[in-house]
C-alpha atoms as a PDB file:
ATOM      1  CA  ALA A   1       0.230   0.193  -0.599  1.00  0.00           C
ATOM      2  CA  ILE A   2       2.669   2.851   0.823  1.00  0.00           C
ATOM      3  CA  TYR A   3       4.574   2.036  -2.659  1.00  0.00           C
ATOM      4  CA  ALA A   4       0.576   2.147  -4.392  1.00  0.00           C
ATOM      5  CA  LEU A   5       1.093   5.762  -2.354  1.00  0.00           C
ATOM      6  CA  VAL A   6       4.778   7.029  -3.231  1.00  0.00           C
ATOM      7  CA  HIS A   7       3.675   6.435  -7.259  1.00  0.00           C
ATOM      8  CA  LEU A   8       0.185   8.439  -6.171  1.00  0.00           C
ATOM      9  CA  GLY A   9       1.390  11.463  -3.773  1.00  0.00           C
ATOM     10  CA  PHE A  10       4.800  11.951  -6.941  1.00  0.00           C
ATOM     11  CA  GLN A  11       1.690  11.362 -10.034  1.00  0.00           C
ATOM     12  CA  MET A  12      -0.566  13.569  -8.052  1.00  0.00           C
ATOM     13  CA  GLY A  13       2.332  16.925  -6.723  1.00  0.00           C
ATOM     14  CA  ASP A  14       0.108  19.584  -6.251  1.00  0.00           C
ATOM     15  CA  GLU A  15      -2.948  17.950  -7.435  1.00  0.00           C
ATOM     16  CA  LEU A  16      -3.314  16.123  -4.164  1.00  0.00           C
ATOM     17  CA  ARG A  17      -6.022  17.786  -2.853  1.00  0.00           C
ATOM     18  CA  PRO A  18      -5.051  18.401   1.172  1.00  0.00           C
ATOM     19  CA  GLU A  19      -7.869  16.659   2.268  1.00  0.00           C
ATOM     20  CA  HIS A  20      -6.177  13.337   1.123  1.00  0.00           C
ATOM     21  CA  LEU A  21      -3.048  14.516   2.049  1.00  0.00           C
ATOM     22  CA  ALA A  22      -3.964  14.534   5.645  1.00  0.00           C
ATOM     23  CA  LYS A  23      -5.999  11.657   5.241  1.00  0.00           C
ATOM     24  CA  ILE A  24      -2.356   9.542   4.248  1.00  0.00           C
ATOM     25  CA  LEU A  25      -0.805  11.709   7.071  1.00  0.00           C
ATOM     26  CA  GLU A  26      -2.467  10.692  10.077  1.00  0.00           C
ATOM     27  CA  ALA A  27      -2.481   7.087   8.878  1.00  0.00           C
ATOM     28  CA  LEU A  28       1.348   7.768   7.941  1.00  0.00           C
ATOM     29  CA  TYR A  29       1.981   8.856  11.690  1.00  0.00           C
ATOM     30  CA  LYS A  30      -0.262   5.366  12.719  1.00  0.00           C
ATOM     31  CA  SER A  31       2.515   3.009  11.107  1.00  0.00           C
ATOM     32  CA  ASP A  32       6.155   2.913  11.358  1.00  0.00           C
ATOM     33  CA  ILE A  33       9.115   4.788  10.236  1.00  0.00           C
ATOM     34  CA  THR A  34      10.644   3.285   6.983  1.00  0.00           C
ATOM     35  CA  THR A  35      12.131   3.856   4.595  1.00  0.00           C
ATOM     36  CA  ALA A  36       9.218   3.547   2.120  1.00  0.00           C
ATOM     37  CA  THR A  37       7.503   6.347   4.827  1.00  0.00           C
ATOM     38  CA  SER A  38       9.930   8.105   5.022  1.00  0.00           C
ATOM     39  CA  GLN A  39      10.808   8.232   1.124  1.00  0.00           C
ATOM     40  CA  LEU A  40       6.349   9.107   1.245  1.00  0.00           C
ATOM     41  CA  LEU A  41       6.715  11.752   3.623  1.00  0.00           C
ATOM     42  CA  PHE A  42       9.372  13.058   1.899  1.00  0.00           C
ATOM     43  CA  ILE A  43       7.247  13.223  -1.288  1.00  0.00           C
ATOM     44  CA  LEU A  44       4.511  14.070   0.153  1.00  0.00           C
ATOM     45  CA  SER A  45       6.739  16.949   1.770  1.00  0.00           C
ATOM     46  CA  CYS A  46       6.879  19.032  -1.489  1.00  0.00           C
ATOM     47  CA  HIS A  47       3.312  19.416  -1.276  1.00  0.00           C
ATOM     48  CA  ASN A  48       2.443  23.589  -1.433  1.00  0.00           C
ATOM     49  CA  GLU A  49       0.025  22.612   1.336  1.00  0.00           C
ATOM     50  CA  PHE A  50       2.385  20.197   3.756  1.00  0.00           C
ATOM     51  CA  ASN A  51       2.829  22.725   6.225  1.00  0.00           C
ATOM     52  CA  SER A  52      -0.309  23.304   7.048  1.00  0.00           C
ATOM     53  CA  VAL A  53      -2.203  20.123   7.246  1.00  0.00           C
ATOM     54  CA  ILE A  54       0.931  17.679   9.610  1.00  0.00           C
ATOM     55  CA  SER A  55       0.742  18.286  12.095  1.00  0.00           C
ATOM     56  CA  GLU A  56       2.810  18.914  15.233  1.00  0.00           C
ATOM     57  CA  VAL A  57       3.192  15.425  16.629  1.00  0.00           C
ATOM     58  CA  HIS A  58       3.845  14.242  13.380  1.00  0.00           C
ATOM     59  CA  ILE A  59       6.667  16.717  12.638  1.00  0.00           C
ATOM     60  CA  HIS A  60       7.877  15.492  16.825  1.00  0.00           C
ATOM     61  CA  LYS A  61       7.569  11.465  16.251  1.00  0.00           C
ATOM     62  CA  ILE A  62      10.204  11.995  12.594  1.00  0.00           C
ATOM     63  CA  LEU A  63      12.965  14.455  14.591  1.00  0.00           C
ATOM     64  CA  GLN A  64      12.253  11.235  17.676  1.00  0.00           C
ATOM     65  CA  ASN A  65      13.431   8.535  15.040  1.00  0.00           C
ATOM     66  CA  LEU A  66      16.086  11.152  13.644  1.00  0.00           C
ATOM     67  CA  PRO A  67      18.605   9.715  16.071  1.00  0.00           C
ATOM     68  CA  ILE A  68      17.824   5.925  15.558  1.00  0.00           C
ATOM     69  CA  SER A  69      17.747   6.475  11.802  1.00  0.00           C
ATOM     70  CA  LEU A  70      21.216   7.790  11.957  1.00  0.00           C
ATOM     71  CA  GLN A  71      23.141   5.222  14.018  1.00  0.00           C
ATOM     72  CA  SER A  72      21.229   3.254  11.025  1.00  0.00           C
ATOM     73  CA  HIS A  73      22.597   5.078   8.585  1.00  0.00           C
ATOM     74  CA  ILE A  74      25.890   4.229   9.424  1.00  0.00           C
ATOM     75  CA  ASN A  75      25.807   0.882  10.567  1.00  0.00           C
ATOM     76  CA  SER A  76      24.895  -0.597   7.702  1.00  0.00           C
ATOM     77  CA  CYS A  77      24.519   1.576   5.273  1.00  0.00           C
ATOM     78  CA  GLU A  78      27.026   4.927   4.690  1.00  0.00           C
ATOM     79  CA  LYS A  79      29.800   2.903   2.226  1.00  0.00           C
ATOM     80  CA  SER A  80      27.122   2.033  -0.488  1.00  0.00           C
ATOM     81  CA  CYS A  81      24.151   4.834   0.504  1.00  0.00           C
ATOM     82  CA  SER A  82      21.633   5.620  -2.585  1.00  0.00           C
ATOM     83  CA  MET A  83      19.043   7.934  -3.274  1.00  0.00           C
ATOM     84  CA  ASN A  84      16.700   5.131  -1.098  1.00  0.00           C
ATOM     85  CA  CYS A  85      18.394   6.313   2.488  1.00  0.00           C
ATOM     86  CA  LYS A  86      15.243   6.233   5.585  1.00  0.00           C
ATOM     87  CA  LEU A  87      17.740   8.641   6.941  1.00  0.00           C
ATOM     88  CA  LEU A  88      18.632  11.107   3.165  1.00  0.00           C
ATOM     89  CA  TYR A  89      14.089  10.656   3.452  1.00  0.00           C
ATOM     90  CA  GLN A  90      14.082  12.256   6.690  1.00  0.00           C
ATOM     91  CA  ILE A  91      16.051  14.787   6.398  1.00  0.00           C
ATOM     92  CA  ARG A  92      15.465  15.891   3.747  1.00  0.00           C
ATOM     93  CA  THR A  93      11.819  16.212   5.081  1.00  0.00           C
ATOM     94  CA  LEU A  94      12.965  18.245   7.949  1.00  0.00           C
ATOM     95  CA  ALA A  95      14.327  20.549   4.929  1.00  0.00           C
ATOM     96  CA  ASN A  96      10.892  20.821   3.419  1.00  0.00           C
ATOM     97  CA  LEU A  97       8.785  22.331   7.065  1.00  0.00           C
ATOM     98  CA  ASN A  98       8.502  24.899   8.690  1.00  0.00           C
ATOM     99  CA  ILE A  99       9.504  24.682  11.761  1.00  0.00           C
ATOM    100  CA  ASP A 100       8.214  26.579  14.855  1.00  0.00           C
ATOM    101  CA  ASP A 101      10.662  28.199  17.729  1.00  0.00           C
ATOM    102  CA  LYS A 102       9.334  24.870  19.637  1.00  0.00           C
ATOM    103  CA  ASP A 103       9.993  22.104  17.302  1.00  0.00           C
ATOM    104  CA  ASN A 104      13.477  23.882  15.936  1.00  0.00           C
ATOM    105  CA  GLU A 105      14.552  23.694  19.760  1.00  0.00           C
ATOM    106  CA  LEU A 106      13.783  19.529  19.608  1.00  0.00           C
ATOM    107  CA  PHE A 107      15.641  19.774  16.328  1.00  0.00           C
ATOM    108  CA  THR A 108      18.835  21.746  17.599  1.00  0.00           C
ATOM    109  CA  ASN A 109      19.001  19.406  20.942  1.00  0.00           C
ATOM    110  CA  CYS A 110      18.844  15.694  18.503  1.00  0.00           C
ATOM    111  CA  LEU A 111      21.816  18.087  15.975  1.00  0.00           C
ATOM    112  CA  CYS A 112      24.235  18.729  18.881  1.00  0.00           C
ATOM    113  CA  GLN A 113      23.481  15.592  20.632  1.00  0.00           C
ATOM    114  CA  HIS A 114      24.620  13.779  17.712  1.00  0.00           C
ATOM    115  CA  VAL A 115      26.888  16.068  16.319  1.00  0.00           C
ATOM    116  CA  GLY A 116      29.854  14.263  15.290  1.00  0.00           C
ATOM    117  CA  SER A 117      28.045  11.171  13.960  1.00  0.00           C
ATOM    118  CA  PHE A 118      26.436  14.055  10.951  1.00  0.00           C
ATOM    119  CA  LYS A 119      30.394  16.169  11.306  1.00  0.00           C
ATOM    120  CA  MET A 120      31.246  11.684   9.669  1.00  0.00           C
ATOM    121  CA  LEU A 121      28.209  12.263   7.332  1.00  0.00           C
ATOM    122  CA  LEU A 122      29.059  15.693   6.259  1.00  0.00           C
ATOM    123  CA  VAL A 123      33.029  14.605   4.542  1.00  0.00           C
ATOM    124  CA  LYS A 124      31.764  10.829   3.912  1.00  0.00           C
ATOM    125  CA  ASN A 125      28.732  11.303   1.549  1.00  0.00           C
ATOM    126  CA  ASP A 126      27.852  13.364  -0.178  1.00  0.00           C
ATOM    127  CA  ASP A 127      24.201  12.832  -0.958  1.00  0.00           C
ATOM    128  CA  ILE A 128      23.017  13.215   2.583  1.00  0.00           C
ATOM    129  CA  SER A 129      26.107  16.714   2.644  1.00  0.00           C
ATOM    130  CA  LYS A 130      24.001  18.157  -0.065  1.00  0.00           C
ATOM    131  CA  SER A 131      20.665  17.829   2.230  1.00  0.00           C
ATOM    132  CA  VAL A 132      22.134  18.515   5.698  1.00  0.00           C
ATOM    133  CA  LEU A 133      22.961  21.682   3.729  1.00  0.00           C
ATOM    134  CA  TRP A 134      19.663  21.798   2.232  1.00  0.00           C
ATOM    135  CA  LEU A 135      18.347  21.752   5.600  1.00  0.00           C
ATOM    136  CA  LEU A 136      20.446  24.049   7.384  1.00  0.00           C
END
């Protein structure tokens, strides 16, 4: 089902109605964060209405999962990272968000706690470094 939603979101782009966008985001919030759901979330984050539809709770879920994705990336796909990487999609989704002060503090804390890992990735992986720079 996620695979079909990835293609639907990509094909529809901004033509996807905001109420459908909200329902997809609601379903995503109830599921685990995987590479496929992260890819879908990134595609949806390119939608014009994304920032007005995504809930603060979902933003917190992404931010709380970021260290897990970071560690998973370091352990498994750091050297052979392709464009199909959960961490890459999460960073790009966060880059597309209008993060308010409260969420910015949570993001900054996450970044500060894992600054060494992010620095290492900035040097070792061009796709991740471009995405982190996009985020900043």
